Amino acid sequence: MTAQLAPRIVVDPAIRFGKPIIEGTRVPVDLLLARLSGGMTVAEVAGEYEVTIEDIQAALAYAAQVIANEEIRLVA
């Protein structure tokens, strides 16, 4: 059963252990983010993993949304 988390971002327990992936692929969002943070360009990542630039932008938007909603509580 596939669930849509955000535009172009889905989860399916049968694919990649339920990690968020690009819809229609088996490419995890965290992999794309790791490659970008490692210095690959958007064009290089798109070519390497056969996703579109729009897919990568969706992954970045999803990650920003997750972080924006994250709540961290410091305990003294």
C-alpha atoms as a PDB file:
ATOM      1  CA  MET A   1       0.000   0.000   0.000  1.00  0.00           C
ATOM      2  CA  THR A   2       1.533   3.290  -1.127  1.00  0.00           C
ATOM      3  CA  ALA A   3       0.934   6.527   0.773  1.00  0.00           C
ATOM      4  CA  GLN A   4       1.656   9.994  -0.618  1.00  0.00           C
ATOM      5  CA  LEU A   5       3.603  12.192   1.822  1.00  0.00           C
ATOM      6  CA  ALA A   6       4.067  15.170  -0.469  1.00  0.00           C
ATOM      7  CA  PRO A   7       3.959  15.860  -4.196  1.00  0.00           C
ATOM      8  CA  ARG A   8       6.173  13.205  -5.888  1.00  0.00           C
ATOM      9  CA  ILE A   9       7.155  11.691  -2.493  1.00  0.00           C
ATOM     10  CA  VAL A  10       5.612   8.385  -1.396  1.00  0.00           C
ATOM     11  CA  VAL A  11       6.171   5.551   1.053  1.00  0.00           C
ATOM     12  CA  ASP A  12       5.449   1.879   0.526  1.00  0.00           C
ATOM     13  CA  PRO A  13       6.369  -0.684   3.187  1.00  0.00           C
ATOM     14  CA  ALA A  14       7.378  -3.084   0.401  1.00  0.00           C
ATOM     15  CA  ILE A  15       9.914  -0.650  -1.086  1.00  0.00           C
ATOM     16  CA  ARG A  16      13.095   0.391   0.718  1.00  0.00           C
ATOM     17  CA  PHE A  17      11.668  -0.625   4.100  1.00  0.00           C
ATOM     18  CA  GLY A  18       9.054   2.144   3.957  1.00  0.00           C
ATOM     19  CA  LYS A  19      11.498   5.021   3.524  1.00  0.00           C
ATOM     20  CA  PRO A  20      10.262   8.054   1.574  1.00  0.00           C
ATOM     21  CA  ILE A  21      11.053   7.585  -2.118  1.00  0.00           C
ATOM     22  CA  ILE A  22      10.509   9.421  -5.377  1.00  0.00           C
ATOM     23  CA  GLU A  23       7.165   8.305  -6.788  1.00  0.00           C
ATOM     24  CA  GLY A  24       7.499   5.698  -9.512  1.00  0.00           C
ATOM     25  CA  THR A  25      11.068   4.810  -8.519  1.00  0.00           C
ATOM     26  CA  ARG A  26      12.954   3.002  -5.785  1.00  0.00           C
ATOM     27  CA  VAL A  27      15.161   6.063  -5.153  1.00  0.00           C
ATOM     28  CA  PRO A  28      15.068   7.181  -1.493  1.00  0.00           C
ATOM     29  CA  VAL A  29      14.805  10.870  -0.692  1.00  0.00           C
ATOM     30  CA  ASP A  30      17.687  10.626   1.799  1.00  0.00           C
ATOM     31  CA  LEU A  31      19.993   9.262  -0.911  1.00  0.00           C
ATOM     32  CA  LEU A  32      19.336  12.245  -3.158  1.00  0.00           C
ATOM     33  CA  LEU A  33      19.913  14.648  -0.276  1.00  0.00           C
ATOM     34  CA  ALA A  34      23.140  12.891   0.675  1.00  0.00           C
ATOM     35  CA  ARG A  35      24.479  13.138  -2.867  1.00  0.00           C
ATOM     36  CA  LEU A  36      23.624  16.831  -3.073  1.00  0.00           C
ATOM     37  CA  SER A  37      25.225  17.522   0.300  1.00  0.00           C
ATOM     38  CA  GLY A  38      28.271  15.564  -0.855  1.00  0.00           C
ATOM     39  CA  GLY A  39      28.845  18.013  -3.680  1.00  0.00           C
ATOM     40  CA  MET A  40      27.079  16.490  -6.670  1.00  0.00           C
ATOM     41  CA  THR A  41      25.124  18.945  -8.796  1.00  0.00           C
ATOM     42  CA  VAL A  42      21.400  18.611  -9.325  1.00  0.00           C
ATOM     43  CA  ALA A  43      22.059  17.628 -12.945  1.00  0.00           C
ATOM     44  CA  GLU A  44      24.579  14.963 -11.884  1.00  0.00           C
ATOM     45  CA  VAL A  45      22.170  13.477  -9.329  1.00  0.00           C
ATOM     46  CA  ALA A  46      19.312  13.507 -11.830  1.00  0.00           C
ATOM     47  CA  GLY A  47      21.429  11.707 -14.409  1.00  0.00           C
ATOM     48  CA  GLU A  48      22.937   9.210 -11.978  1.00  0.00           C
ATOM     49  CA  TYR A  49      19.609   8.132 -10.451  1.00  0.00           C
ATOM     50  CA  GLU A  50      17.342   8.666 -13.478  1.00  0.00           C
ATOM     51  CA  VAL A  51      15.074  11.170 -11.746  1.00  0.00           C
ATOM     52  CA  THR A  52      13.986  14.597 -12.917  1.00  0.00           C
ATOM     53  CA  ILE A  53      15.087  17.953 -11.600  1.00  0.00           C
ATOM     54  CA  GLU A  54      11.488  18.379 -10.419  1.00  0.00           C
ATOM     55  CA  ASP A  55      11.831  15.133  -8.424  1.00  0.00           C
ATOM     56  CA  ILE A  56      14.938  16.519  -6.713  1.00  0.00           C
ATOM     57  CA  GLN A  57      13.182  19.800  -5.991  1.00  0.00           C
ATOM     58  CA  ALA A  58      10.299  17.811  -4.475  1.00  0.00           C
ATOM     59  CA  ALA A  59      12.779  15.903  -2.284  1.00  0.00           C
ATOM     60  CA  LEU A  60      14.294  19.169  -1.085  1.00  0.00           C
ATOM     61  CA  ALA A  61      10.849  20.650  -0.389  1.00  0.00           C
ATOM     62  CA  TYR A  62       9.842  17.519   1.535  1.00  0.00           C
ATOM     63  CA  ALA A  63      13.027  17.646   3.622  1.00  0.00           C
ATOM     64  CA  ALA A  64      12.462  21.338   4.375  1.00  0.00           C
ATOM     65  CA  GLN A  65       8.895  20.575   5.462  1.00  0.00           C
ATOM     66  CA  VAL A  66      10.030  17.764   7.757  1.00  0.00           C
ATOM     67  CA  ILE A  67      12.666  19.954   9.377  1.00  0.00           C
ATOM     68  CA  ALA A  68      10.283  22.903   9.717  1.00  0.00           C
ATOM     69  CA  ASN A  69       7.850  20.702  11.630  1.00  0.00           C
ATOM     70  CA  GLU A  70      10.519  19.135  13.822  1.00  0.00           C
ATOM     71  CA  GLU A  71      10.387  20.067  17.483  1.00  0.00           C
ATOM     72  CA  ILE A  72      13.467  19.772  19.636  1.00  0.00           C
ATOM     73  CA  ARG A  73      13.203  20.028  23.401  1.00  0.00           C
ATOM     74  CA  LEU A  74      16.331  20.585  25.405  1.00  0.00           C
ATOM     75  CA  VAL A  75      16.440  19.061  28.832  1.00  0.00           C
ATOM     76  CA  ALA A  76      18.731  20.613  31.405  1.00  0.00           C
END
